[in-house]
């Protein structure tokens, strides 16, 4: 797995659904991200620069938004099924 992919994937199961639970500053230009994987329950902390933390938080927000859109579409599609 490439270094960049390790930032947005679970190190235990390689899932791309790893979530950031908390981001806290640890000094000048450094932050610690507390993450967890909803697929395998792996939890970890990742120390990164604040610029990387900002990018990862943006990625996490975009992923959450796209998953909400997908869930809404699946719900709407489910309402179209005809049962006998």
N, C-alpha and C. Protein backbone atom coordinates (compact mmCIF):
# COMPACT_ATOMS: atom_id res chain seq x y z
N UNK A 1 0.85 -1.17 0.00
CA UNK A 1 0.00 0.00 0.00
C UNK A 1 0.90 1.23 0.00
N UNK A 2 0.58 2.21 -0.83
CA UNK A 2 1.38 3.43 -0.90
C UNK A 2 1.17 4.26 0.36
N UNK A 3 2.12 5.16 0.62
CA UNK A 3 2.02 6.01 1.81
C UNK A 3 0.74 6.83 1.81
N UNK A 4 0.36 7.40 0.66
CA UNK A 4 -0.86 8.18 0.58
C UNK A 4 -2.10 7.35 0.85
N UNK A 5 -2.11 6.12 0.35
CA UNK A 5 -3.26 5.23 0.55
C UNK A 5 -3.37 4.85 2.03
N UNK A 6 -2.26 4.75 2.74
CA UNK A 6 -2.28 4.42 4.17
C UNK A 6 -2.97 5.51 4.98
N UNK A 7 -2.98 6.73 4.49
CA UNK A 7 -3.61 7.83 5.20
C UNK A 7 -5.13 7.75 5.14
N UNK A 8 -5.68 7.14 4.08
CA UNK A 8 -7.13 7.12 3.90
C UNK A 8 -7.71 5.71 3.96
N UNK A 9 -6.91 4.74 4.36
CA UNK A 9 -7.37 3.36 4.45
C UNK A 9 -7.01 2.78 5.81
N UNK A 10 -7.76 1.78 6.20
CA UNK A 10 -7.49 1.08 7.45
C UNK A 10 -6.21 0.27 7.31
N UNK A 11 -5.28 0.41 8.25
CA UNK A 11 -4.04 -0.37 8.17
C UNK A 11 -4.27 -1.86 8.46
N UNK A 12 -5.38 -2.20 9.09
CA UNK A 12 -5.65 -3.60 9.43
C UNK A 12 -6.34 -4.36 8.29
N UNK A 13 -7.36 -3.73 7.67
CA UNK A 13 -8.14 -4.45 6.66
C UNK A 13 -8.15 -3.77 5.29
N UNK A 14 -7.48 -2.64 5.16
CA UNK A 14 -7.38 -1.87 3.91
C UNK A 14 -8.69 -1.22 3.47
N UNK A 15 -9.70 -1.18 4.34
CA UNK A 15 -10.96 -0.54 4.00
C UNK A 15 -10.75 0.96 3.78
N UNK A 16 -11.43 1.48 2.78
CA UNK A 16 -11.40 2.92 2.53
C UNK A 16 -12.41 3.69 3.34
N UNK A 17 -13.08 3.01 4.27
CA UNK A 17 -14.12 3.65 5.07
C UNK A 17 -13.62 4.11 6.44
N UNK A 18 -12.30 4.13 6.67
CA UNK A 18 -11.78 4.55 7.97
C UNK A 18 -12.27 5.96 8.27
N UNK A 19 -12.67 6.19 9.51
CA UNK A 19 -13.29 7.45 9.90
C UNK A 19 -12.43 8.18 10.93
N UNK A 20 -12.43 9.50 10.85
CA UNK A 20 -11.72 10.33 11.81
C UNK A 20 -12.70 10.72 12.91
N UNK A 21 -12.38 10.32 14.13
CA UNK A 21 -13.24 10.62 15.27
C UNK A 21 -12.87 11.95 15.93
N UNK A 22 -11.59 12.27 15.91
CA UNK A 22 -11.12 13.46 16.61
C UNK A 22 -9.83 13.94 15.97
N UNK A 23 -9.64 15.23 15.96
CA UNK A 23 -8.39 15.82 15.47
C UNK A 23 -7.95 16.84 16.51
N UNK A 24 -6.75 16.65 17.05
CA UNK A 24 -6.29 17.59 18.07
C UNK A 24 -4.87 18.08 17.74
N UNK A 25 -4.64 19.32 18.01
CA UNK A 25 -3.34 19.94 17.76
C UNK A 25 -2.34 19.48 18.81
N UNK A 26 -1.13 19.22 18.38
CA UNK A 26 -0.06 18.82 19.31
C UNK A 26 1.15 19.72 19.17
N UNK A 27 0.93 20.96 18.82
CA UNK A 27 2.03 21.89 18.69
C UNK A 27 2.00 22.59 17.35
N UNK A 28 3.08 23.29 17.08
CA UNK A 28 3.17 24.03 15.83
C UNK A 28 3.12 23.09 14.64
N UNK A 29 2.09 23.27 13.83
CA UNK A 29 1.95 22.57 12.55
C UNK A 29 1.88 21.05 12.67
N UNK A 30 1.41 20.51 13.81
CA UNK A 30 1.23 19.06 13.97
C UNK A 30 -0.14 18.78 14.58
N UNK A 31 -0.70 17.64 14.21
CA UNK A 31 -1.99 17.24 14.74
C UNK A 31 -2.02 15.72 14.88
N UNK A 32 -2.87 15.25 15.78
CA UNK A 32 -3.09 13.81 15.94
C UNK A 32 -4.54 13.52 15.57
N UNK A 33 -4.72 12.55 14.68
CA UNK A 33 -6.05 12.11 14.28
C UNK A 33 -6.36 10.81 14.98
N UNK A 34 -7.49 10.76 15.67
CA UNK A 34 -7.98 9.50 16.23
C UNK A 34 -8.94 8.92 15.21
N UNK A 35 -8.65 7.67 14.77
CA UNK A 35 -9.43 7.06 13.70
C UNK A 35 -9.98 5.70 14.12
N UNK A 36 -11.05 5.29 13.46
CA UNK A 36 -11.55 3.93 13.66
C UNK A 36 -12.11 3.41 12.34
N UNK A 37 -12.09 2.11 12.21
CA UNK A 37 -12.61 1.45 11.01
C UNK A 37 -13.95 0.79 11.35
N UNK A 38 -15.02 1.15 10.64
CA UNK A 38 -16.32 0.55 10.92
C UNK A 38 -16.42 -0.90 10.44
N UNK A 39 -15.47 -1.34 9.62
CA UNK A 39 -15.54 -2.70 9.11
C UNK A 39 -14.85 -3.72 10.02
N UNK A 40 -13.71 -3.35 10.59
CA UNK A 40 -12.98 -4.33 11.42
C UNK A 40 -12.78 -3.85 12.86
N UNK A 41 -13.26 -2.66 13.19
CA UNK A 41 -13.15 -2.06 14.53
C UNK A 41 -11.72 -1.69 14.94
N UNK A 42 -10.81 -1.63 13.98
CA UNK A 42 -9.45 -1.18 14.28
C UNK A 42 -9.50 0.30 14.69
N UNK A 43 -8.74 0.67 15.71
CA UNK A 43 -8.61 2.06 16.13
C UNK A 43 -7.13 2.42 16.18
N UNK A 44 -6.81 3.66 15.82
CA UNK A 44 -5.43 4.09 15.91
C UNK A 44 -5.37 5.61 16.02
N UNK A 45 -4.16 6.09 16.21
CA UNK A 45 -3.89 7.52 16.20
C UNK A 45 -2.81 7.75 15.17
N UNK A 46 -2.95 8.85 14.44
CA UNK A 46 -2.03 9.16 13.36
C UNK A 46 -1.54 10.59 13.54
N UNK A 47 -0.23 10.77 13.70
CA UNK A 47 0.35 12.10 13.82
C UNK A 47 0.74 12.60 12.43
N UNK A 48 0.22 13.77 12.08
CA UNK A 48 0.45 14.35 10.76
C UNK A 48 0.62 15.86 10.90
N UNK A 49 1.02 16.50 9.81
CA UNK A 49 1.06 17.96 9.81
C UNK A 49 -0.38 18.47 9.76
N UNK A 50 -0.59 19.71 10.17
CA UNK A 50 -1.95 20.26 10.15
C UNK A 50 -2.48 20.36 8.72
N UNK A 51 -1.60 20.59 7.75
CA UNK A 51 -2.04 20.64 6.35
C UNK A 51 -2.59 19.29 5.92
N UNK A 52 -1.91 18.21 6.28
CA UNK A 52 -2.39 16.86 5.96
C UNK A 52 -3.68 16.57 6.72
N UNK A 53 -3.76 16.98 7.98
CA UNK A 53 -4.98 16.78 8.77
C UNK A 53 -6.16 17.48 8.11
N UNK A 54 -5.95 18.69 7.61
CA UNK A 54 -7.02 19.42 6.92
C UNK A 54 -7.49 18.67 5.68
N UNK A 55 -6.55 18.14 4.91
CA UNK A 55 -6.90 17.39 3.70
C UNK A 55 -7.64 16.11 4.06
N UNK A 56 -7.18 15.41 5.09
CA UNK A 56 -7.84 14.17 5.50
C UNK A 56 -9.23 14.43 6.05
N UNK A 57 -9.41 15.53 6.79
CA UNK A 57 -10.74 15.90 7.29
C UNK A 57 -11.67 16.24 6.13
N UNK A 58 -11.15 16.92 5.11
CA UNK A 58 -11.95 17.22 3.92
C UNK A 58 -12.34 15.93 3.20
N UNK A 59 -11.39 15.01 3.05
CA UNK A 59 -11.67 13.71 2.42
C UNK A 59 -12.75 12.96 3.20
N UNK A 60 -12.65 12.96 4.52
CA UNK A 60 -13.63 12.27 5.36
C UNK A 60 -15.02 12.90 5.21
N UNK A 61 -15.08 14.21 5.12
CA UNK A 61 -16.36 14.91 4.94
C UNK A 61 -16.98 14.58 3.59
N UNK A 62 -16.15 14.55 2.55
CA UNK A 62 -16.64 14.21 1.21
C UNK A 62 -17.12 12.77 1.15
N UNK A 63 -16.40 11.86 1.80
CA UNK A 63 -16.82 10.46 1.84
C UNK A 63 -18.15 10.31 2.56
N UNK A 64 -18.30 10.98 3.69
CA UNK A 64 -19.55 10.91 4.45
C UNK A 64 -20.71 11.46 3.62
N UNK A 65 -20.49 12.55 2.91
CA UNK A 65 -21.54 13.15 2.08
C UNK A 65 -21.93 12.20 0.95
N UNK A 66 -20.96 11.56 0.32
CA UNK A 66 -21.29 10.66 -0.79
C UNK A 66 -22.00 9.41 -0.28
N UNK A 67 -21.66 8.95 0.92
CA UNK A 67 -22.35 7.80 1.49
C UNK A 67 -23.80 8.15 1.85
N UNK A 68 -24.03 9.37 2.31
CA UNK A 68 -25.40 9.81 2.60
C UNK A 68 -26.23 9.85 1.31
N UNK A 69 -25.64 10.36 0.23
CA UNK A 69 -26.34 10.41 -1.07
C UNK A 69 -26.67 8.99 -1.53
N UNK A 70 -25.70 8.08 -1.42
CA UNK A 70 -25.92 6.68 -1.82
C UNK A 70 -27.04 6.06 -0.98
N UNK A 71 -27.02 6.29 0.32
CA UNK A 71 -28.06 5.73 1.19
C UNK A 71 -29.43 6.27 0.81
N UNK A 72 -29.52 7.56 0.49
CA UNK A 72 -30.80 8.15 0.08
C UNK A 72 -31.29 7.53 -1.23
N UNK A 73 -30.37 7.32 -2.16
CA UNK A 73 -30.75 6.71 -3.44
C UNK A 73 -31.20 5.28 -3.26
N UNK A 74 -30.52 4.53 -2.40
CA UNK A 74 -30.93 3.15 -2.15
C UNK A 74 -32.29 3.09 -1.48
N UNK A 75 -32.54 4.01 -0.57
CA UNK A 75 -33.84 4.06 0.08
C UNK A 75 -34.94 4.38 -0.94
N UNK A 76 -34.68 5.34 -1.82
CA UNK A 76 -35.66 5.70 -2.84
C UNK A 76 -35.89 4.53 -3.80
N UNK A 77 -34.84 3.84 -4.17
CA UNK A 77 -34.97 2.69 -5.07
C UNK A 77 -35.74 1.57 -4.39
N UNK A 78 -35.54 1.38 -3.11
CA UNK A 78 -36.25 0.35 -2.37
C UNK A 78 -37.75 0.59 -2.35
N UNK A 79 -38.15 1.85 -2.38
CA UNK A 79 -39.57 2.18 -2.39
C UNK A 79 -40.21 1.85 -3.74
N UNK A 80 -39.40 1.66 -4.78
CA UNK A 80 -39.93 1.36 -6.10
C UNK A 80 -40.20 -0.12 -6.32
N UNK A 81 -39.65 -0.98 -5.45
CA UNK A 81 -39.85 -2.41 -5.61
C UNK A 81 -41.32 -2.77 -5.39
N UNK A 82 -41.81 -3.63 -6.23
CA UNK A 82 -43.19 -4.10 -6.11
C UNK A 82 -43.16 -5.47 -5.48
N UNK A 83 -43.88 -5.62 -4.38
CA UNK A 83 -43.92 -6.94 -3.72
C UNK A 83 -45.23 -7.62 -4.07
N UNK A 84 -45.19 -8.93 -4.11
CA UNK A 84 -46.39 -9.73 -4.45
C UNK A 84 -47.02 -10.28 -3.22
